[in-house]
mmCIF file of all heavy atoms, coordinates in Angstrom:
data_MODEL
# 
_entry.id   MODEL 
# 
loop_
_atom_site.group_PDB 
_atom_site.id 
_atom_site.type_symbol 
_atom_site.label_atom_id 
_atom_site.label_alt_id 
_atom_site.label_comp_id 
_atom_site.label_asym_id 
_atom_site.label_entity_id 
_atom_site.label_seq_id 
_atom_site.pdbx_PDB_ins_code 
_atom_site.Cartn_x 
_atom_site.Cartn_y 
_atom_site.Cartn_z 
_atom_site.occupancy 
_atom_site.B_iso_or_equiv 
_atom_site.pdbx_formal_charge 
_atom_site.auth_seq_id 
_atom_site.auth_comp_id 
_atom_site.auth_asym_id 
_atom_site.auth_atom_id 
_atom_site.pdbx_PDB_model_num 
ATOM 1   N N   . ALA A 1 1  ? 44.112 9.560  154.522 1.00 0.00 ? 1  ALA A N   1 
ATOM 2   C CA  . ALA A 1 1  ? 43.112 9.356  155.635 1.00 0.00 ? 1  ALA A CA  1 
ATOM 3   C C   . ALA A 1 1  ? 42.099 10.448 155.604 1.00 0.00 ? 1  ALA A C   1 
ATOM 4   O O   . ALA A 1 1  ? 42.227 11.486 154.801 1.00 0.00 ? 1  ALA A O   1 
ATOM 5   C CB  . ALA A 1 1  ? 43.849 9.355  156.921 1.00 0.00 ? 1  ALA A CB  1 
ATOM 6   N N   . ASN A 1 2  ? 41.053 10.308 156.418 1.00 0.00 ? 2  ASN A N   1 
ATOM 7   C CA  . ASN A 1 2  ? 40.196 11.348 156.779 1.00 0.00 ? 2  ASN A CA  1 
ATOM 8   C C   . ASN A 1 2  ? 40.695 12.099 157.945 1.00 0.00 ? 2  ASN A C   1 
ATOM 9   O O   . ASN A 1 2  ? 41.046 11.527 158.927 1.00 0.00 ? 2  ASN A O   1 
ATOM 10  C CB  . ASN A 1 2  ? 38.815 10.790 157.011 1.00 0.00 ? 2  ASN A CB  1 
ATOM 11  C CG  . ASN A 1 2  ? 37.634 11.789 156.762 1.00 0.00 ? 2  ASN A CG  1 
ATOM 12  O OD1 . ASN A 1 2  ? 37.902 12.888 156.165 1.00 0.00 ? 2  ASN A OD1 1 
ATOM 13  N ND2 . ASN A 1 2  ? 36.480 11.531 157.195 1.00 0.00 ? 2  ASN A ND2 1 
ATOM 14  N N   . TYR A 1 3  ? 40.892 13.472 157.775 1.00 0.00 ? 3  TYR A N   1 
ATOM 15  C CA  . TYR A 1 3  ? 41.568 14.280 158.816 1.00 0.00 ? 3  TYR A CA  1 
ATOM 16  C C   . TYR A 1 3  ? 40.418 14.902 159.606 1.00 0.00 ? 3  TYR A C   1 
ATOM 17  O O   . TYR A 1 3  ? 39.607 15.663 159.056 1.00 0.00 ? 3  TYR A O   1 
ATOM 18  C CB  . TYR A 1 3  ? 42.510 15.172 158.237 1.00 0.00 ? 3  TYR A CB  1 
ATOM 19  C CG  . TYR A 1 3  ? 43.869 14.512 157.895 1.00 0.00 ? 3  TYR A CG  1 
ATOM 20  C CD1 . TYR A 1 3  ? 43.877 13.630 156.793 1.00 0.00 ? 3  TYR A CD1 1 
ATOM 21  C CD2 . TYR A 1 3  ? 44.950 14.769 158.665 1.00 0.00 ? 3  TYR A CD2 1 
ATOM 22  C CE1 . TYR A 1 3  ? 45.047 13.018 156.467 1.00 0.00 ? 3  TYR A CE1 1 
ATOM 23  C CE2 . TYR A 1 3  ? 46.154 14.130 158.285 1.00 0.00 ? 3  TYR A CE2 1 
ATOM 24  C CZ  . TYR A 1 3  ? 46.258 13.220 157.188 1.00 0.00 ? 3  TYR A CZ  1 
ATOM 25  O OH  . TYR A 1 3  ? 47.332 12.574 156.915 1.00 0.00 ? 3  TYR A OH  1 
ATOM 26  N N   . TYR A 1 4  ? 40.563 14.893 160.952 1.00 0.00 ? 4  TYR A N   1 
ATOM 27  C CA  . TYR A 1 4  ? 39.579 15.563 161.853 1.00 0.00 ? 4  TYR A CA  1 
ATOM 28  C C   . TYR A 1 4  ? 40.262 16.454 162.754 1.00 0.00 ? 4  TYR A C   1 
ATOM 29  O O   . TYR A 1 4  ? 41.340 16.298 163.318 1.00 0.00 ? 4  TYR A O   1 
ATOM 30  C CB  . TYR A 1 4  ? 38.956 14.459 162.741 1.00 0.00 ? 4  TYR A CB  1 
ATOM 31  C CG  . TYR A 1 4  ? 38.137 13.447 161.992 1.00 0.00 ? 4  TYR A CG  1 
ATOM 32  C CD1 . TYR A 1 4  ? 38.773 12.269 161.542 1.00 0.00 ? 4  TYR A CD1 1 
ATOM 33  C CD2 . TYR A 1 4  ? 36.788 13.572 161.786 1.00 0.00 ? 4  TYR A CD2 1 
ATOM 34  C CE1 . TYR A 1 4  ? 38.022 11.297 160.891 1.00 0.00 ? 4  TYR A CE1 1 
ATOM 35  C CE2 . TYR A 1 4  ? 36.104 12.666 161.116 1.00 0.00 ? 4  TYR A CE2 1 
ATOM 36  C CZ  . TYR A 1 4  ? 36.657 11.511 160.597 1.00 0.00 ? 4  TYR A CZ  1 
ATOM 37  O OH  . TYR A 1 4  ? 36.011 10.548 160.015 1.00 0.00 ? 4  TYR A OH  1 
ATOM 38  N N   . CYS A 1 5  ? 39.529 17.616 162.889 1.00 0.00 ? 5  CYS A N   1 
ATOM 39  C CA  . CYS A 1 5  ? 39.862 18.683 163.763 1.00 0.00 ? 5  CYS A CA  1 
ATOM 40  C C   . CYS A 1 5  ? 39.165 18.415 165.181 1.00 0.00 ? 5  CYS A C   1 
ATOM 41  O O   . CYS A 1 5  ? 38.030 18.015 165.098 1.00 0.00 ? 5  CYS A O   1 
ATOM 42  C CB  . CYS A 1 5  ? 39.556 20.071 163.208 1.00 0.00 ? 5  CYS A CB  1 
ATOM 43  S SG  . CYS A 1 5  ? 39.776 21.434 164.249 1.00 0.00 ? 5  CYS A SG  1 
ATOM 44  N N   . ALA A 1 6  ? 39.860 18.693 166.268 1.00 0.00 ? 6  ALA A N   1 
ATOM 45  C CA  . ALA A 1 6  ? 39.232 18.478 167.629 1.00 0.00 ? 6  ALA A CA  1 
ATOM 46  C C   . ALA A 1 6  ? 39.556 19.577 168.595 1.00 0.00 ? 6  ALA A C   1 
ATOM 47  O O   . ALA A 1 6  ? 40.694 20.104 168.501 1.00 0.00 ? 6  ALA A O   1 
ATOM 48  C CB  . ALA A 1 6  ? 39.666 17.102 168.109 1.00 0.00 ? 6  ALA A CB  1 
ATOM 49  N N   . ALA A 1 7  ? 38.625 19.854 169.444 1.00 0.00 ? 7  ALA A N   1 
ATOM 50  C CA  . ALA A 1 7  ? 38.938 20.865 170.534 1.00 0.00 ? 7  ALA A CA  1 
ATOM 51  C C   . ALA A 1 7  ? 38.721 20.167 171.870 1.00 0.00 ? 7  ALA A C   1 
ATOM 52  O O   . ALA A 1 7  ? 37.930 19.252 172.087 1.00 0.00 ? 7  ALA A O   1 
ATOM 53  C CB  . ALA A 1 7  ? 37.929 21.947 170.374 1.00 0.00 ? 7  ALA A CB  1 
ATOM 54  N N   . SER A 1 8  ? 39.589 20.557 172.842 1.00 0.00 ? 8  SER A N   1 
ATOM 55  C CA  . SER A 1 8  ? 39.544 19.993 174.179 1.00 0.00 ? 8  SER A CA  1 
ATOM 56  C C   . SER A 1 8  ? 38.297 20.150 174.852 1.00 0.00 ? 8  SER A C   1 
ATOM 57  O O   . SER A 1 8  ? 37.511 21.054 174.592 1.00 0.00 ? 8  SER A O   1 
ATOM 58  C CB  . SER A 1 8  ? 40.711 20.595 175.033 1.00 0.00 ? 8  SER A CB  1 
ATOM 59  O OG  . SER A 1 8  ? 40.501 21.941 175.172 1.00 0.00 ? 8  SER A OG  1 
ATOM 60  N N   . GLY A 1 9  ? 37.924 19.209 175.768 1.00 0.00 ? 9  GLY A N   1 
ATOM 61  C CA  . GLY A 1 9  ? 36.713 19.313 176.499 1.00 0.00 ? 9  GLY A CA  1 
ATOM 62  C C   . GLY A 1 9  ? 36.639 20.391 177.590 1.00 0.00 ? 9  GLY A C   1 
ATOM 63  O O   . GLY A 1 9  ? 35.587 20.840 178.023 1.00 0.00 ? 9  GLY A O   1 
ATOM 64  N N   . ARG A 1 10 ? 37.789 20.751 178.013 1.00 0.00 ? 10 ARG A N   1 
ATOM 65  C CA  . ARG A 1 10 ? 37.926 21.787 178.984 1.00 0.00 ? 10 ARG A CA  1 
ATOM 66  C C   . ARG A 1 10 ? 38.561 23.053 178.546 1.00 0.00 ? 10 ARG A C   1 
ATOM 67  O O   . ARG A 1 10 ? 39.279 23.016 177.533 1.00 0.00 ? 10 ARG A O   1 
ATOM 68  C CB  . ARG A 1 10 ? 38.834 21.298 180.247 1.00 0.00 ? 10 ARG A CB  1 
ATOM 69  C CG  . ARG A 1 10 ? 38.211 20.085 181.017 1.00 0.00 ? 10 ARG A CG  1 
ATOM 70  C CD  . ARG A 1 10 ? 39.140 19.734 182.191 1.00 0.00 ? 10 ARG A CD  1 
ATOM 71  N NE  . ARG A 1 10 ? 38.544 18.547 182.860 1.00 0.00 ? 10 ARG A NE  1 
ATOM 72  C CZ  . ARG A 1 10 ? 39.051 18.079 183.970 1.00 0.00 ? 10 ARG A CZ  1 
ATOM 73  N NH1 . ARG A 1 10 ? 40.208 18.460 184.374 1.00 0.00 ? 10 ARG A NH1 1 
ATOM 74  N NH2 . ARG A 1 10 ? 38.508 17.042 184.532 1.00 0.00 ? 10 ARG A NH2 1 
ATOM 75  N N   . THR A 1 11 ? 38.271 24.132 179.176 1.00 0.00 ? 11 THR A N   1 
ATOM 76  C CA  . THR A 1 11 ? 38.965 25.398 178.837 1.00 0.00 ? 11 THR A CA  1 
ATOM 77  C C   . THR A 1 11 ? 40.213 25.513 179.549 1.00 0.00 ? 11 THR A C   1 
ATOM 78  O O   . THR A 1 11 ? 40.310 25.154 180.763 1.00 0.00 ? 11 THR A O   1 
ATOM 79  C CB  . THR A 1 11 ? 38.035 26.587 179.062 1.00 0.00 ? 11 THR A CB  1 
ATOM 80  O OG1 . THR A 1 11 ? 37.618 26.597 180.414 1.00 0.00 ? 11 THR A OG1 1 
ATOM 81  C CG2 . THR A 1 11 ? 36.739 26.528 178.170 1.00 0.00 ? 11 THR A CG2 1 
ATOM 82  N N   . TYR A 1 12 ? 41.164 26.175 178.973 1.00 0.00 ? 12 TYR A N   1 
ATOM 83  C CA  . TYR A 1 12 ? 42.530 26.448 179.559 1.00 0.00 ? 12 TYR A CA  1 
ATOM 84  C C   . TYR A 1 12 ? 43.110 25.163 180.274 1.00 0.00 ? 12 TYR A C   1 
ATOM 85  O O   . TYR A 1 12 ? 43.532 25.272 181.352 1.00 0.00 ? 12 TYR A O   1 
ATOM 86  C CB  . TYR A 1 12 ? 42.429 27.611 180.600 1.00 0.00 ? 12 TYR A CB  1 
ATOM 87  C CG  . TYR A 1 12 ? 41.865 28.838 179.976 1.00 0.00 ? 12 TYR A CG  1 
ATOM 88  C CD1 . TYR A 1 12 ? 40.586 29.319 180.375 1.00 0.00 ? 12 TYR A CD1 1 
ATOM 89  C CD2 . TYR A 1 12 ? 42.631 29.631 179.110 1.00 0.00 ? 12 TYR A CD2 1 
ATOM 90  C CE1 . TYR A 1 12 ? 40.131 30.438 179.821 1.00 0.00 ? 12 TYR A CE1 1 
ATOM 91  C CE2 . TYR A 1 12 ? 42.173 30.791 178.575 1.00 0.00 ? 12 TYR A CE2 1 
ATOM 92  C CZ  . TYR A 1 12 ? 40.832 31.229 178.894 1.00 0.00 ? 12 TYR A CZ  1 
ATOM 93  O OH  . TYR A 1 12 ? 40.384 32.405 178.418 1.00 0.00 ? 12 TYR A OH  1 
ATOM 94  N N   . PRO A 1 13 ? 43.102 24.025 179.581 1.00 0.00 ? 13 PRO A N   1 
ATOM 95  C CA  . PRO A 1 13 ? 43.682 22.892 180.174 1.00 0.00 ? 13 PRO A CA  1 
ATOM 96  C C   . PRO A 1 13 ? 45.165 22.943 180.344 1.00 0.00 ? 13 PRO A C   1 
ATOM 97  O O   . PRO A 1 13 ? 45.898 23.527 179.417 1.00 0.00 ? 13 PRO A O   1 
ATOM 98  C CB  . PRO A 1 13 ? 43.386 21.744 179.083 1.00 0.00 ? 13 PRO A CB  1 
ATOM 99  C CG  . PRO A 1 13 ? 43.108 22.480 177.861 1.00 0.00 ? 13 PRO A CG  1 
ATOM 100 C CD  . PRO A 1 13 ? 42.603 23.838 178.126 1.00 0.00 ? 13 PRO A CD  1 
ATOM 101 N N   . THR A 1 14 ? 45.686 22.372 181.354 1.00 0.00 ? 14 THR A N   1 
ATOM 102 C CA  . THR A 1 14 ? 47.092 22.358 181.612 1.00 0.00 ? 14 THR A CA  1 
ATOM 103 C C   . THR A 1 14 ? 47.900 21.443 180.666 1.00 0.00 ? 14 THR A C   1 
ATOM 104 O O   . THR A 1 14 ? 48.919 21.810 180.189 1.00 0.00 ? 14 THR A O   1 
ATOM 105 C CB  . THR A 1 14 ? 47.387 21.965 183.074 1.00 0.00 ? 14 THR A CB  1 
ATOM 106 O OG1 . THR A 1 14 ? 46.634 22.938 183.808 1.00 0.00 ? 14 THR A OG1 1 
ATOM 107 C CG2 . THR A 1 14 ? 48.867 22.070 183.356 1.00 0.00 ? 14 THR A CG2 1 
ATOM 108 N N   . MET A 1 15 ? 47.393 20.316 180.476 1.00 0.00 ? 15 MET A N   1 
ATOM 109 C CA  . MET A 1 15 ? 48.033 19.299 179.689 1.00 0.00 ? 15 MET A CA  1 
ATOM 110 C C   . MET A 1 15 ? 47.460 19.238 178.191 1.00 0.00 ? 15 MET A C   1 
ATOM 111 O O   . MET A 1 15 ? 46.250 19.521 178.092 1.00 0.00 ? 15 MET A O   1 
ATOM 112 C CB  . MET A 1 15 ? 47.903 17.829 180.204 1.00 0.00 ? 15 MET A CB  1 
ATOM 113 C CG  . MET A 1 15 ? 48.521 17.717 181.563 1.00 0.00 ? 15 MET A CG  1 
ATOM 114 S SD  . MET A 1 15 ? 48.536 16.095 182.251 1.00 0.00 ? 15 MET A SD  1 
ATOM 115 C CE  . MET A 1 15 ? 49.417 15.260 180.944 1.00 0.00 ? 15 MET A CE  1 
ATOM 116 N N   . VAL A 1 16 ? 48.326 18.925 177.201 1.00 0.00 ? 16 VAL A N   1 
ATOM 117 C CA  . VAL A 1 16 ? 47.896 18.828 175.863 1.00 0.00 ? 16 VAL A CA  1 
ATOM 118 C C   . VAL A 1 16 ? 47.763 17.337 175.563 1.00 0.00 ? 16 VAL A C   1 
ATOM 119 O O   . VAL A 1 16 ? 48.785 16.621 175.515 1.00 0.00 ? 16 VAL A O   1 
ATOM 120 C CB  . VAL A 1 16 ? 48.812 19.499 174.907 1.00 0.00 ? 16 VAL A CB  1 
ATOM 121 C CG1 . VAL A 1 16 ? 48.326 19.298 173.481 1.00 0.00 ? 16 VAL A CG1 1 
ATOM 122 C CG2 . VAL A 1 16 ? 48.996 20.972 175.252 1.00 0.00 ? 16 VAL A CG2 1 
ATOM 123 N N   . GLN A 1 17 ? 46.576 16.852 175.470 1.00 0.00 ? 17 GLN A N   1 
ATOM 124 C CA  . GLN A 1 17 ? 46.368 15.389 175.248 1.00 0.00 ? 17 GLN A CA  1 
ATOM 125 C C   . GLN A 1 17 ? 46.706 14.950 173.821 1.00 0.00 ? 17 GLN A C   1 
ATOM 126 O O   . GLN A 1 17 ? 46.554 15.712 172.816 1.00 0.00 ? 17 GLN A O   1 
ATOM 127 C CB  . GLN A 1 17 ? 44.805 15.040 175.590 1.00 0.00 ? 17 GLN A CB  1 
ATOM 128 C CG  . GLN A 1 17 ? 44.448 15.410 177.014 1.00 0.00 ? 17 GLN A CG  1 
ATOM 129 C CD  . GLN A 1 17 ? 45.143 14.557 178.069 1.00 0.00 ? 17 GLN A CD  1 
ATOM 130 O OE1 . GLN A 1 17 ? 45.582 13.434 177.727 1.00 0.00 ? 17 GLN A OE1 1 
ATOM 131 N NE2 . GLN A 1 17 ? 45.042 14.978 179.245 1.00 0.00 ? 17 GLN A NE2 1 
ATOM 132 N N   . GLN A 1 18 ? 47.137 13.684 173.745 1.00 0.00 ? 18 GLN A N   1 
ATOM 133 C CA  . GLN A 1 18 ? 47.446 13.182 172.455 1.00 0.00 ? 18 GLN A CA  1 
ATOM 134 C C   . GLN A 1 18 ? 46.629 11.920 172.146 1.00 0.00 ? 18 GLN A C   1 
ATOM 135 O O   . GLN A 1 18 ? 46.970 11.149 171.336 1.00 0.00 ? 18 GLN A O   1 
ATOM 136 C CB  . GLN A 1 18 ? 48.927 12.822 172.333 1.00 0.00 ? 18 GLN A CB  1 
ATOM 137 C CG  . GLN A 1 18 ? 49.760 14.103 172.530 1.00 0.00 ? 18 GLN A CG  1 
ATOM 138 C CD  . GLN A 1 18 ? 51.260 13.791 172.431 1.00 0.00 ? 18 GLN A CD  1 
ATOM 139 O OE1 . GLN A 1 18 ? 51.702 12.898 171.611 1.00 0.00 ? 18 GLN A OE1 1 
ATOM 140 N NE2 . GLN A 1 18 ? 52.067 14.543 173.138 1.00 0.00 ? 18 GLN A NE2 1 
ATOM 141 N N   . THR A 1 19 ? 45.479 11.745 172.779 1.00 0.00 ? 19 THR A N   1 
ATOM 142 C CA  . THR A 1 19 ? 44.523 10.756 172.513 1.00 0.00 ? 19 THR A CA  1 
ATOM 143 C C   . THR A 1 19 ? 43.131 11.280 172.372 1.00 0.00 ? 19 THR A C   1 
ATOM 144 O O   . THR A 1 19 ? 42.875 12.407 172.781 1.00 0.00 ? 19 THR A O   1 
ATOM 145 C CB  . THR A 1 19 ? 44.449 9.724  173.727 1.00 0.00 ? 19 THR A CB  1 
ATOM 146 O OG1 . THR A 1 19 ? 43.885 10.428 174.834 1.00 0.00 ? 19 THR A OG1 1 
ATOM 147 C CG2 . THR A 1 19 ? 45.793 9.151  174.126 1.00 0.00 ? 19 THR A CG2 1 
ATOM 148 N N   . THR A 1 20 ? 42.260 10.546 171.682 1.00 0.00 ? 20 THR A N   1 
ATOM 149 C CA  . THR A 1 20 ? 40.942 11.079 171.439 1.00 0.00 ? 20 THR A CA  1 
ATOM 150 C C   . THR A 1 20 ? 40.160 11.332 172.685 1.00 0.00 ? 20 THR A C   1 
ATOM 151 O O   . THR A 1 20 ? 39.287 12.282 172.595 1.00 0.00 ? 20 THR A O   1 
ATOM 152 C CB  . THR A 1 20 ? 40.148 9.970  170.473 1.00 0.00 ? 20 THR A CB  1 
ATOM 153 O OG1 . THR A 1 20 ? 40.162 8.779  171.279 1.00 0.00 ? 20 THR A OG1 1 
ATOM 154 C CG2 . THR A 1 20 ? 40.784 9.848  169.199 1.00 0.00 ? 20 THR A CG2 1 
ATOM 155 N N   . ALA A 1 21 ? 40.460 10.698 173.757 1.00 0.00 ? 21 ALA A N   1 
ATOM 156 C CA  . ALA A 1 21 ? 39.804 10.893 175.043 1.00 0.00 ? 21 ALA A CA  1 
ATOM 157 C C   . ALA A 1 21 ? 39.968 12.314 175.471 1.00 0.00 ? 21 ALA A C   1 
ATOM 158 O O   . ALA A 1 21 ? 39.162 12.845 176.312 1.00 0.00 ? 21 ALA A O   1 
ATOM 159 C CB  . ALA A 1 21 ? 40.285 10.006 176.086 1.00 0.00 ? 21 ALA A CB  1 
ATOM 160 N N   . GLY A 1 22 ? 41.034 13.051 175.107 1.00 0.00 ? 22 GLY A N   1 
ATOM 161 C CA  . GLY A 1 22 ? 41.236 14.378 175.555 1.00 0.00 ? 22 GLY A CA  1 
ATOM 162 C C   . GLY A 1 22 ? 40.452 15.506 174.896 1.00 0.00 ? 22 GLY A C   1 
ATOM 163 O O   . GLY A 1 22 ? 40.609 16.656 175.167 1.00 0.00 ? 22 GLY A O   1 
ATOM 164 N N   . TYR A 1 23 ? 39.583 15.125 173.924 1.00 0.00 ? 23 TYR A N   1 
ATOM 165 C CA  . TYR A 1 23 ? 38.849 16.020 173.122 1.00 0.00 ? 23 TYR A CA  1 
ATOM 166 C C   . TYR A 1 23 ? 37.426 15.777 173.084 1.00 0.00 ? 23 TYR A C   1 
ATOM 167 O O   . TYR A 1 23 ? 36.996 14.655 172.831 1.00 0.00 ? 23 TYR A O   1 
ATOM 168 C CB  . TYR A 1 23 ? 39.381 16.059 171.681 1.00 0.00 ? 23 TYR A CB  1 
ATOM 169 C CG  . TYR A 1 23 ? 40.958 16.443 171.722 1.00 0.00 ? 23 TYR A CG  1 
ATOM 170 C CD1 . TYR A 1 23 ? 41.943 15.586 172.013 1.00 0.00 ? 23 TYR A CD1 1 
ATOM 171 C CD2 . TYR A 1 23 ? 41.327 17.812 171.666 1.00 0.00 ? 23 TYR A CD2 1 
ATOM 172 C CE1 . TYR A 1 23 ? 43.250 15.925 172.173 1.00 0.00 ? 23 TYR A CE1 1 
ATOM 173 C CE2 . TYR A 1 23 ? 42.640 18.239 171.762 1.00 0.00 ? 23 TYR A CE2 1 
ATOM 174 C CZ  . TYR A 1 23 ? 43.623 17.225 172.020 1.00 0.00 ? 23 TYR A CZ  1 
ATOM 175 O OH  . TYR A 1 23 ? 44.966 17.655 172.187 1.00 0.00 ? 23 TYR A OH  1 
ATOM 176 N N   . ALA A 1 24 ? 36.656 16.776 173.259 1.00 0.00 ? 24 ALA A N   1 
ATOM 177 C CA  . ALA A 1 24 ? 35.204 16.578 173.341 1.00 0.00 ? 24 ALA A CA  1 
ATOM 178 C C   . ALA A 1 24 ? 34.454 17.101 172.051 1.00 0.00 ? 24 ALA A C   1 
ATOM 179 O O   . ALA A 1 24 ? 33.314 16.721 171.822 1.00 0.00 ? 24 ALA A O   1 
ATOM 180 C CB  . ALA A 1 24 ? 34.603 17.364 174.538 1.00 0.00 ? 24 ALA A CB  1 
ATOM 181 N N   . TYR A 1 25 ? 35.062 17.901 171.291 1.00 0.00 ? 25 TYR A N   1 
ATOM 182 C CA  . TYR A 1 25 ? 34.382 18.466 170.121 1.00 0.00 ? 25 TYR A CA  1 
ATOM 183 C C   . TYR A 1 25 ? 35.181 18.117 168.878 1.00 0.00 ? 25 TYR A C   1 
ATOM 184 O O   . TYR A 1 25 ? 36.370 18.197 168.815 1.00 0.00 ? 25 TYR A O   1 
ATOM 185 C CB  . TYR A 1 25 ? 34.323 19.977 170.237 1.00 0.00 ? 25 TYR A CB  1 
ATOM 186 C CG  . TYR A 1 25 ? 33.689 20.518 171.574 1.00 0.00 ? 25 TYR A CG  1 
ATOM 187 C CD1 . TYR A 1 25 ? 34.461 20.960 172.598 1.00 0.00 ? 25 TYR A CD1 1 
ATOM 188 C CD2 . TYR A 1 25 ? 32.320 20.382 171.711 1.00 0.00 ? 25 TYR A CD2 1 
ATOM 189 C CE1 . TYR A 1 25 ? 33.891 21.419 173.801 1.00 0.00 ? 25 TYR A CE1 1 
ATOM 190 C CE2 . TYR A 1 25 ? 31.721 20.806 172.926 1.00 0.00 ? 25 TYR A CE2 1 
ATOM 191 C CZ  . TYR A 1 25 ? 32.474 21.249 173.897 1.00 0.00 ? 25 TYR A CZ  1 
ATOM 192 O OH  . TYR A 1 25 ? 31.923 21.659 175.026 1.00 0.00 ? 25 TYR A OH  1 
ATOM 193 N N   . TRP A 1 26 ? 34.422 17.668 167.889 1.00 0.00 ? 26 TRP A N   1 
ATOM 194 C CA  . TRP A 1 26 ? 34.985 17.155 166.645 1.00 0.00 ? 26 TRP A CA  1 
ATOM 195 C C   . TRP A 1 26 ? 34.327 17.670 165.481 1.00 0.00 ? 26 TRP A C   1 
ATOM 196 O O   . TRP A 1 26 ? 33.009 17.920 165.451 1.00 0.00 ? 26 TRP A O   1 
ATOM 197 C CB  . TRP A 1 26 ? 34.838 15.580 166.616 1.00 0.00 ? 26 TRP A CB  1 
ATOM 198 C CG  . TRP A 1 26 ? 35.655 14.970 167.680 1.00 0.00 ? 26 TRP A CG  1 
ATOM 199 C CD1 . TRP A 1 26 ? 35.261 14.724 169.001 1.00 0.00 ? 26 TRP A CD1 1 
ATOM 200 C CD2 . TRP A 1 26 ? 36.960 14.436 167.595 1.00 0.00 ? 26 TRP A CD2 1 
ATOM 201 N NE1 . TRP A 1 26 ? 36.198 14.106 169.701 1.00 0.00 ? 26 TRP A NE1 1 
ATOM 202 C CE2 . TRP A 1 26 ? 37.307 13.894 168.843 1.00 0.00 ? 26 TRP A CE2 1 
ATOM 203 C CE3 . TRP A 1 26 ? 37.808 14.303 166.477 1.00 0.00 ? 26 TRP A CE3 1 
ATOM 204 C CZ2 . TRP A 1 26 ? 38.523 13.215 169.103 1.00 0.00 ? 26 TRP A CZ2 1 
ATOM 205 C CZ3 . TRP A 1 26 ? 39.069 13.667 166.794 1.00 0.00 ? 26 TRP A CZ3 1 
ATOM 206 C CH2 . TRP A 1 26 ? 39.440 13.162 168.043 1.00 0.00 ? 26 TRP A CH2 1 
ATOM 207 N N   . GLY A 1 27 ? 35.142 17.914 164.368 1.00 0.00 ? 27 GLY A N   1 
ATOM 208 C CA  . GLY A 1 27 ? 34.523 18.239 163.094 1.00 0.00 ? 27 GLY A CA  1 
ATOM 209 C C   . GLY A 1 27 ? 34.106 16.933 162.313 1.00 0.00 ? 27 GLY A C   1 
ATOM 210 O O   . GLY A 1 27 ? 34.280 15.815 162.904 1.00 0.00 ? 27 GLY A O   1 
ATOM 211 N N   . LYS A 1 28 ? 33.604 17.133 161.142 1.00 0.00 ? 28 LYS A N   1 
ATOM 212 C CA  . LYS A 1 28 ? 33.236 15.954 160.398 1.00 0.00 ? 28 LYS A CA  1 
ATOM 213 C C   . LYS A 1 28 ? 34.331 15.305 159.553 1.00 0.00 ? 28 LYS A C   1 
ATOM 214 O O   . LYS A 1 28 ? 34.035 14.188 158.981 1.00 0.00 ? 28 LYS A O   1 
ATOM 215 C CB  . LYS A 1 28 ? 31.939 16.264 159.593 1.00 0.00 ? 28 LYS A CB  1 
ATOM 216 C CG  . LYS A 1 28 ? 30.746 16.625 160.378 1.00 0.00 ? 28 LYS A CG  1 
ATOM 217 C CD  . LYS A 1 28 ? 29.473 16.893 159.532 1.00 0.00 ? 28 LYS A CD  1 
ATOM 218 C CE  . LYS A 1 28 ? 28.253 17.226 160.350 1.00 0.00 ? 28 LYS A CE  1 
ATOM 219 N NZ  . LYS A 1 28 ? 27.022 17.460 159.539 1.00 0.00 ? 28 LYS A NZ  1 
# 
């Protein structure tokens, strides 16, 4: 597959999301 790195949309989030909706920043 193509593997993507992602960072959360918020700083110091309490929960660690496991869906794309939890991440606002993406690599190529």
